[in-house]
Structures are given as structure tokens and as C-alpha cells.
Amino acid sequence: MVKETLNSCPFCGGKADIFVVNDDGENNSEGFIASCNNCGCSTIFCESEAEAVTLWNNRAPNECENELVKLLAIIVDSWDCELNLHSKRMRAVLAAKDLLKSYAD
């Protein structure tokens, strides 16, 4: 099996594995699916393990997921700016405290 080559689940981040399955159709053939061990998201029935891995790892991005990633980037950027400002404010307060302490001594 090629478990190491599977990306994590795009929905929950869980670990995925390849499973051997039987097609319930007329062919009654054996095939493969890639499936998340956490949320159960899976590929369609594939004829080969390699096809299941490729299908799992190369899904088209979800439009909603793309919007969430953009929103998360904006949030991270704004918090990063806020933390930098906070850090600068803290350095100024500490410098002022040191200056006041030196005057008190």
C-alpha cells in the first residue's frame, strides 16, 4: 500500500488510507478508495490504488474553502499587525518604567 503518499483530508485534516472495496455493481469487481479515517470523506471507486491516490491528492479546490483561506489570511495579517503594535507599546511602557525608576532612585 502507498499510505505515505496520501495528503491529509482537506475537510478535517485527518489521516487518509487506501481501502480495498468490492464494486456492488454488475461487474462485482474489486477496486480501491482513498478515505479519511476521521470524517469518512472518500474518493469514488477506482480500478487501481494509484488512481485512488491521484484522485485523493488532486481534488479541485472547494470555492468555500478558498474563501475561508482568504478570510483566515486577513485575520492572521490583522492580528500580526496588532501584535507588532502591542510589542512596540510594551517596549515603550517598559522603557518609560525604567526611566521613572531611574528618577526615583
Protein backbone atom coordinates (compact mmCIF):
# COMPACT_ATOMS: atom_id res chain seq x y z
CA MET A 1 0.00 0.00 0.00
CA VAL A 2 1.01 3.59 -0.60
CA LYS A 3 -0.36 5.15 2.61
CA GLU A 4 2.54 7.60 2.96
CA THR A 5 1.71 9.35 -0.30
CA LEU A 6 -1.80 10.44 0.69
CA ASN A 7 -2.36 14.07 1.65
CA SER A 8 -4.29 14.81 4.81
CA CYS A 9 -8.04 15.28 4.49
CA PRO A 10 -8.90 18.69 3.00
CA PHE A 11 -12.01 18.93 5.19
CA CYS A 12 -10.89 17.89 8.66
CA GLY A 13 -7.11 17.41 8.35
CA GLY A 14 -7.40 13.74 9.27
CA LYS A 15 -5.19 10.90 8.07
CA ALA A 16 -6.33 9.06 4.95
CA ASP A 17 -5.75 5.47 3.92
CA ILE A 18 -6.38 3.32 0.87
CA PHE A 19 -9.03 0.64 1.24
CA VAL A 20 -9.81 -2.34 -0.97
CA VAL A 21 -13.53 -2.47 -1.79
CA ASN A 22 -15.91 -4.57 -3.84
CA ASP A 23 -17.97 -2.84 -6.51
CA ASP A 24 -21.64 -3.50 -5.78
CA GLY A 25 -22.47 -3.03 -9.46
CA GLU A 26 -22.91 -5.64 -12.17
CA ASN A 27 -19.16 -6.23 -12.54
CA ASN A 28 -18.69 -7.35 -8.93
CA SER A 29 -15.07 -6.27 -9.25
CA GLU A 30 -12.53 -5.32 -6.63
CA GLY A 31 -11.21 -1.77 -6.51
CA PHE A 32 -9.82 0.93 -4.26
CA ILE A 33 -10.92 4.08 -2.50
CA ALA A 34 -8.99 6.64 -0.50
CA SER A 35 -10.85 7.59 2.65
CA CYS A 36 -10.32 9.81 5.68
CA ASN A 37 -10.12 7.84 8.93
CA ASN A 38 -11.62 10.77 10.83
CA CYS A 39 -14.59 12.17 8.88
CA GLY A 40 -15.11 9.41 6.30
CA CYS A 41 -14.72 11.61 3.22
CA SER A 42 -13.66 9.38 0.32
CA THR A 43 -12.95 9.13 -3.37
CA ILE A 44 -15.10 7.26 -5.82
CA PHE A 45 -14.41 3.62 -6.66
CA CYS A 46 -11.07 3.37 -8.53
CA GLU A 47 -9.64 0.49 -10.51
CA SER A 48 -6.13 0.87 -9.08
CA GLU A 49 -4.53 2.01 -5.87
CA ALA A 50 -2.50 4.58 -7.81
CA GLU A 51 -5.69 6.03 -9.33
CA ALA A 52 -7.25 6.38 -5.85
CA VAL A 53 -4.12 8.14 -4.54
CA THR A 54 -4.06 10.51 -7.52
CA LEU A 55 -7.77 11.27 -7.19
CA TRP A 56 -7.45 11.92 -3.44
CA ASN A 57 -4.38 14.15 -3.74
CA ASN A 58 -5.56 16.18 -6.75
CA ARG A 59 -9.10 17.24 -5.96
CA ALA A 60 -10.22 20.60 -7.24
CA PRO A 61 -10.24 23.23 -4.52
CA ASN A 62 -13.59 23.96 -2.94
CA GLU A 63 -14.75 27.56 -3.59
CA CYS A 64 -15.98 27.93 0.00
CA GLU A 65 -12.65 26.60 1.26
CA ASN A 66 -10.83 29.18 -0.88
CA GLU A 67 -12.91 31.98 0.65
CA LEU A 68 -12.20 30.68 4.15
CA VAL A 69 -8.47 30.60 3.43
CA LYS A 70 -8.62 34.21 2.20
CA LEU A 71 -10.54 35.27 5.31
CA LEU A 72 -8.10 33.44 7.57
CA ALA A 73 -5.18 35.20 5.86
CA ILE A 74 -6.82 38.59 6.52
CA ILE A 75 -7.39 37.69 10.19
CA VAL A 76 -3.83 36.45 10.64
CA ASP A 77 -2.44 39.56 8.97
CA SER A 78 -4.50 41.89 11.15
CA TRP A 79 -3.52 40.05 14.33
CA ASP A 80 0.11 40.08 13.26
CA CYS A 81 -0.08 43.88 12.84
CA GLU A 82 -1.84 44.20 16.21
CA LEU A 83 0.76 42.03 17.94
CA ASN A 84 3.57 44.10 16.44
CA LEU A 85 1.90 47.27 17.69
CA HIS A 86 1.36 45.68 21.09
CA SER A 87 5.02 44.68 21.22
CA LYS A 88 6.11 48.23 20.38
CA ARG A 89 3.75 49.62 23.04
CA MET A 90 5.11 47.19 25.62
CA ARG A 91 8.71 48.20 24.84
CA ALA A 92 7.75 51.87 25.21
CA VAL A 93 5.99 51.20 28.55
CA LEU A 94 8.97 49.23 29.85
CA ALA A 95 11.37 51.96 28.75
CA ALA A 96 9.17 54.56 30.49
CA LYS A 97 9.08 52.44 33.66
CA ASP A 98 12.88 52.15 33.61
CA LEU A 99 13.19 55.89 33.14
CA LEU A 100 10.78 56.60 36.02
CA LYS A 101 12.59 54.11 38.21
CA SER A 102 15.93 55.77 37.48
CA TYR A 103 14.44 59.14 38.53
CA ALA A 104 13.02 57.58 41.71
CA ASP A 105 16.40 56.16 42.71
